Amino acid sequence: MKETEKPELTQDAWDELVESKKREMAVIREKVREMAKAGKQKRVYYIDDERHEVWI
């Protein structure tokens, strides 16, 4: 396989990847809801191209 070629995902592997991303996003949305109820906001900032998130 050449370096520029990407391996093909089977349909089952693709479905599992999609489901795992959906679960991950659901967890993130729930955390945002909980923090919003607590009156907090997420602040995102970058230091040397590194992303940082803080709830204030």
PDB file of N, CA and C in Angstrom:
ATOM      1  N   MET A   1       0.847  -1.175   0.000  1.00  0.00           N
ATOM      2  CA  MET A   1       0.000   0.000   0.000  1.00  0.00           C
ATOM      3  C   MET A   1       0.895   1.242   0.000  1.00  0.00           C
ATOM      4  N   LYS A   2       0.575   2.181  -0.847  1.00  0.00           N
ATOM      5  CA  LYS A   2       1.341   3.422  -0.906  1.00  0.00           C
ATOM      6  C   LYS A   2       1.017   4.281   0.308  1.00  0.00           C
ATOM      7  N   GLU A   3       1.922   5.204   0.637  1.00  0.00           N
ATOM      8  CA  GLU A   3       1.707   6.070   1.796  1.00  0.00           C
ATOM      9  C   GLU A   3       0.487   6.957   1.631  1.00  0.00           C
ATOM     10  N   THR A   4       0.173   7.342   0.400  1.00  0.00           N
ATOM     11  CA  THR A   4      -0.948   8.247   0.169  1.00  0.00           C
ATOM     12  C   THR A   4      -2.289   7.526   0.178  1.00  0.00           C
ATOM     13  N   GLU A   5      -2.279   6.209   0.102  1.00  0.00           N
ATOM     14  CA  GLU A   5      -3.519   5.446   0.108  1.00  0.00           C
ATOM     15  C   GLU A   5      -4.016   5.258   1.531  1.00  0.00           C
ATOM     16  N   LYS A   6      -5.320   5.326   1.677  1.00  0.00           N
ATOM     17  CA  LYS A   6      -5.923   5.104   2.987  1.00  0.00           C
ATOM     18  C   LYS A   6      -6.617   3.745   2.974  1.00  0.00           C
ATOM     19  N   PRO A   7      -6.536   3.019   4.078  1.00  0.00           N
ATOM     20  CA  PRO A   7      -7.215   1.721   4.109  1.00  0.00           C
ATOM     21  C   PRO A   7      -8.731   1.917   4.074  1.00  0.00           C
ATOM     22  N   GLU A   8      -9.411   1.039   3.386  1.00  0.00           N
ATOM     23  CA  GLU A   8     -10.866   1.114   3.288  1.00  0.00           C
ATOM     24  C   GLU A   8     -11.485   0.532   4.554  1.00  0.00           C
ATOM     25  N   LEU A   9     -12.516   1.203   5.045  1.00  0.00           N
ATOM     26  CA  LEU A   9     -13.236   0.692   6.209  1.00  0.00           C
ATOM     27  C   LEU A   9     -14.369  -0.205   5.739  1.00  0.00           C
ATOM     28  N   THR A  10     -14.582  -1.279   6.458  1.00  0.00           N
ATOM     29  CA  THR A  10     -15.744  -2.102   6.159  1.00  0.00           C
ATOM     30  C   THR A  10     -16.977  -1.355   6.643  1.00  0.00           C
ATOM     31  N   GLN A  11     -18.129  -1.768   6.194  1.00  0.00           N
ATOM     32  CA  GLN A  11     -19.365  -1.093   6.599  1.00  0.00           C
ATOM     33  C   GLN A  11     -19.567  -1.190   8.110  1.00  0.00           C
ATOM     34  N   ASP A  12     -19.253  -2.346   8.693  1.00  0.00           N
ATOM     35  CA  ASP A  12     -19.398  -2.507  10.143  1.00  0.00           C
ATOM     36  C   ASP A  12     -18.451  -1.586  10.901  1.00  0.00           C
ATOM     37  N   ALA A  13     -17.216  -1.480  10.430  1.00  0.00           N
ATOM     38  CA  ALA A  13     -16.244  -0.598  11.082  1.00  0.00           C
ATOM     39  C   ALA A  13     -16.683   0.853  10.959  1.00  0.00           C
ATOM     40  N   TRP A  14     -17.207   1.227   9.792  1.00  0.00           N
ATOM     41  CA  TRP A  14     -17.686   2.597   9.580  1.00  0.00           C
ATOM     42  C   TRP A  14     -18.860   2.889  10.510  1.00  0.00           C
ATOM     43  N   ASP A  15     -19.817   1.963  10.594  1.00  0.00           N
ATOM     44  CA  ASP A  15     -20.982   2.155  11.461  1.00  0.00           C
ATOM     45  C   ASP A  15     -20.561   2.310  12.918  1.00  0.00           C
ATOM     46  N   GLU A  16     -19.591   1.527  13.353  1.00  0.00           N
ATOM     47  CA  GLU A  16     -19.101   1.617  14.730  1.00  0.00           C
ATOM     48  C   GLU A  16     -18.428   2.965  14.971  1.00  0.00           C
ATOM     49  N   LEU A  17     -17.666   3.431  13.999  1.00  0.00           N
ATOM     50  CA  LEU A  17     -17.019   4.741  14.113  1.00  0.00           C
ATOM     51  C   LEU A  17     -18.056   5.850  14.227  1.00  0.00           C
ATOM     52  N   VAL A  18     -19.085   5.795  13.400  1.00  0.00           N
ATOM     53  CA  VAL A  18     -20.151   6.802  13.438  1.00  0.00           C
ATOM     54  C   VAL A  18     -20.864   6.764  14.786  1.00  0.00           C
ATOM     55  N   GLU A  19     -21.185   5.581  15.268  1.00  0.00           N
ATOM     56  CA  GLU A  19     -21.871   5.460  16.561  1.00  0.00           C
ATOM     57  C   GLU A  19     -21.008   5.976  17.705  1.00  0.00           C
ATOM     58  N   SER A  20     -19.720   5.690  17.673  1.00  0.00           N
ATOM     59  CA  SER A  20     -18.847   6.159  18.749  1.00  0.00           C
ATOM     60  C   SER A  20     -18.752   7.680  18.734  1.00  0.00           C
ATOM     61  N   LYS A  21     -18.712   8.289  17.557  1.00  0.00           N
ATOM     62  CA  LYS A  21     -18.669   9.756  17.465  1.00  0.00           C
ATOM     63  C   LYS A  21     -19.981  10.362  17.947  1.00  0.00           C
ATOM     64  N   LYS A  22     -21.104   9.710  17.645  1.00  0.00           N
ATOM     65  CA  LYS A  22     -22.403  10.202  18.121  1.00  0.00           C
ATOM     66  C   LYS A  22     -22.464  10.159  19.642  1.00  0.00           C
ATOM     67  N   ARG A  23     -21.968   9.062  20.241  1.00  0.00           N
ATOM     68  CA  ARG A  23     -21.951   8.958  21.704  1.00  0.00           C
ATOM     69  C   ARG A  23     -21.059  10.033  22.308  1.00  0.00           C
ATOM     70  N   GLU A  24     -19.910  10.253  21.691  1.00  0.00           N
ATOM     71  CA  GLU A  24     -18.964  11.262  22.164  1.00  0.00           C
ATOM     72  C   GLU A  24     -19.597  12.658  22.131  1.00  0.00           C
ATOM     73  N   MET A  25     -20.288  12.976  21.052  1.00  0.00           N
ATOM     74  CA  MET A  25     -20.928  14.291  20.927  1.00  0.00           C
ATOM     75  C   MET A  25     -22.078  14.433  21.920  1.00  0.00           C
ATOM     76  N   ALA A  26     -22.800  13.354  22.204  1.00  0.00           N
ATOM     77  CA  ALA A  26     -23.885  13.407  23.179  1.00  0.00           C
ATOM     78  C   ALA A  26     -23.337  13.726  24.568  1.00  0.00           C
ATOM     79  N   VAL A  27     -22.205  13.147  24.918  1.00  0.00           N
ATOM     80  CA  VAL A  27     -21.573  13.418  26.214  1.00  0.00           C
ATOM     81  C   VAL A  27     -21.156  14.883  26.293  1.00  0.00           C
ATOM     82  N   ILE A  28     -20.583  15.397  25.217  1.00  0.00           N
ATOM     83  CA  ILE A  28     -20.157  16.799  25.195  1.00  0.00           C
ATOM     84  C   ILE A  28     -21.362  17.721  25.330  1.00  0.00           C
ATOM     85  N   ARG A  29     -22.440  17.438  24.595  1.00  0.00           N
ATOM     86  CA  ARG A  29     -23.643  18.284  24.684  1.00  0.00           C
ATOM     87  C   ARG A  29     -24.224  18.266  26.089  1.00  0.00           C
ATOM     88  N   GLU A  30     -24.224  17.109  26.735  1.00  0.00           N
ATOM     89  CA  GLU A  30     -24.745  17.005  28.102  1.00  0.00           C
ATOM     90  C   GLU A  30     -23.904  17.839  29.064  1.00  0.00           C
ATOM     91  N   LYS A  31     -22.596  17.805  28.918  1.00  0.00           N
ATOM     92  CA  LYS A  31     -21.724  18.610  29.784  1.00  0.00           C
ATOM     93  C   LYS A  31     -21.993  20.094  29.576  1.00  0.00           C
ATOM     94  N   VAL A  32     -22.159  20.516  28.327  1.00  0.00           N
ATOM     95  CA  VAL A  32     -22.452  21.925  28.036  1.00  0.00           C
ATOM     96  C   VAL A  32     -23.772  22.321  28.687  1.00  0.00           C
ATOM     97  N   ARG A  33     -24.782  21.459  28.599  1.00  0.00           N
ATOM     98  CA  ARG A  33     -26.084  21.748  29.232  1.00  0.00           C
ATOM     99  C   ARG A  33     -25.941  21.892  30.742  1.00  0.00           C
ATOM    100  N   GLU A  34     -25.205  20.966  31.359  1.00  0.00           N
ATOM    101  CA  GLU A  34     -25.021  21.021  32.813  1.00  0.00           C
ATOM    102  C   GLU A  34     -24.301  22.294  33.239  1.00  0.00           C
ATOM    103  N   MET A  35     -23.267  22.669  32.509  1.00  0.00           N
ATOM    104  CA  MET A  35     -22.514  23.871  32.857  1.00  0.00           C
ATOM    105  C   MET A  35     -23.353  25.125  32.615  1.00  0.00           C
ATOM    106  N   ALA A  36     -24.174  25.128  31.572  1.00  0.00           N
ATOM    107  CA  ALA A  36     -25.037  26.278  31.306  1.00  0.00           C
ATOM    108  C   ALA A  36     -26.052  26.438  32.432  1.00  0.00           C
ATOM    109  N   LYS A  37     -26.573  25.327  32.942  1.00  0.00           N
ATOM    110  CA  LYS A  37     -27.505  25.391  34.075  1.00  0.00           C
ATOM    111  C   LYS A  37     -26.820  25.966  35.305  1.00  0.00           C
ATOM    112  N   ALA A  38     -25.538  25.698  35.453  1.00  0.00           N
ATOM    113  CA  ALA A  38     -24.773  26.209  36.590  1.00  0.00           C
ATOM    114  C   ALA A  38     -24.324  27.653  36.352  1.00  0.00           C
ATOM    115  N   GLY A  39     -24.681  28.211  35.187  1.00  0.00           N
ATOM    116  CA  GLY A  39     -24.342  29.592  34.890  1.00  0.00           C
ATOM    117  C   GLY A  39     -22.919  29.795  34.407  1.00  0.00           C
ATOM    118  N   LYS A  40     -22.308  28.745  33.881  1.00  0.00           N
ATOM    119  CA  LYS A  40     -20.919  28.849  33.426  1.00  0.00           C
ATOM    120  C   LYS A  40     -20.858  28.837  31.900  1.00  0.00           C
ATOM    121  N   GLN A  41     -19.797  29.435  31.382  1.00  0.00           N
ATOM    122  CA  GLN A  41     -19.558  29.453  29.943  1.00  0.00           C
ATOM    123  C   GLN A  41     -18.187  28.860  29.651  1.00  0.00           C
ATOM    124  N   LYS A  42     -18.081  28.258  28.478  1.00  0.00           N
ATOM    125  CA  LYS A  42     -16.800  27.679  28.081  1.00  0.00           C
ATOM    126  C   LYS A  42     -15.974  28.746  27.370  1.00  0.00           C
ATOM    127  N   ARG A  43     -14.747  28.889  27.793  1.00  0.00           N
ATOM    128  CA  ARG A  43     -13.812  29.793  27.126  1.00  0.00           C
ATOM    129  C   ARG A  43     -12.713  28.932  26.522  1.00  0.00           C
ATOM    130  N   VAL A  44     -12.452  29.154  25.244  1.00  0.00           N
ATOM    131  CA  VAL A  44     -11.420  28.408  24.528  1.00  0.00           C
ATOM    132  C   VAL A  44     -10.310  29.380  24.169  1.00  0.00           C
ATOM    133  N   TYR A  45      -9.083  28.989  24.465  1.00  0.00           N
ATOM    134  CA  TYR A  45      -7.947  29.823  24.101  1.00  0.00           C
ATOM    135  C   TYR A  45      -6.800  28.932  23.638  1.00  0.00           C
ATOM    136  N   TYR A  46      -5.882  29.538  22.918  1.00  0.00           N
ATOM    137  CA  TYR A  46      -4.765  28.803  22.341  1.00  0.00           C
ATOM    138  C   TYR A  46      -3.450  29.368  22.852  1.00  0.00           C
ATOM    139  N   ILE A  47      -2.559  28.489  23.261  1.00  0.00           N
ATOM    140  CA  ILE A  47      -1.206  28.865  23.653  1.00  0.00           C
ATOM    141  C   ILE A  47      -0.266  28.000  22.829  1.00  0.00           C
ATOM    142  N   ASP A  48       0.547  28.650  22.020  1.00  0.00           N
ATOM    143  CA  ASP A  48       1.486  27.924  21.146  1.00  0.00           C
ATOM    144  C   ASP A  48       0.774  26.843  20.335  1.00  0.00           C
ATOM    145  N   ASP A  49      -0.315  27.195  19.704  1.00  0.00           N
ATOM    146  CA  ASP A  49      -1.108  26.291  18.857  1.00  0.00           C
ATOM    147  C   ASP A  49      -1.700  25.111  19.627  1.00  0.00           C
ATOM    148  N   GLU A  50      -1.754  25.195  20.936  1.00  0.00           N
ATOM    149  CA  GLU A  50      -2.362  24.146  21.747  1.00  0.00           C
ATOM    150  C   GLU A  50      -3.689  24.668  22.288  1.00  0.00           C
ATOM    151  N   ARG A  51      -4.753  23.917  22.067  1.00  0.00           N
ATOM    152  CA  ARG A  51      -6.093  24.344  22.461  1.00  0.00           C
ATOM    153  C   ARG A  51      -6.337  24.038  23.935  1.00  0.00           C
ATOM    154  N   HIS A  52      -6.906  25.027  24.648  1.00  0.00           N
ATOM    155  CA  HIS A  52      -7.262  24.872  26.053  1.00  0.00           C
ATOM    156  C   HIS A  52      -8.709  25.306  26.236  1.00  0.00           C
ATOM    157  N   GLU A  53      -9.451  24.595  27.080  1.00  0.00           N
ATOM    158  CA  GLU A  53     -10.832  24.953  27.385  1.00  0.00           C
ATOM    159  C   GLU A  53     -10.960  25.151  28.884  1.00  0.00           C
ATOM    160  N   VAL A  54     -11.679  26.213  29.266  1.00  0.00           N
ATOM    161  CA  VAL A  54     -11.894  26.507  30.679  1.00  0.00           C
ATOM    162  C   VAL A  54     -13.356  26.881  30.859  1.00  0.00           C
ATOM    163  N   TRP A  55     -13.962  26.377  31.920  1.00  0.00           N
ATOM    164  CA  TRP A  55     -15.334  26.767  32.259  1.00  0.00           C
ATOM    165  C   TRP A  55     -15.261  27.866  33.303  1.00  0.00           C
ATOM    166  N   ILE A  56     -15.851  29.026  32.983  1.00  0.00           N
ATOM    167  CA  ILE A  56     -15.830  30.148  33.925  1.00  0.00           C
ATOM    168  C   ILE A  56     -17.237  30.596  34.243  1.00  0.00           C
TER     169      ILE A  56
END
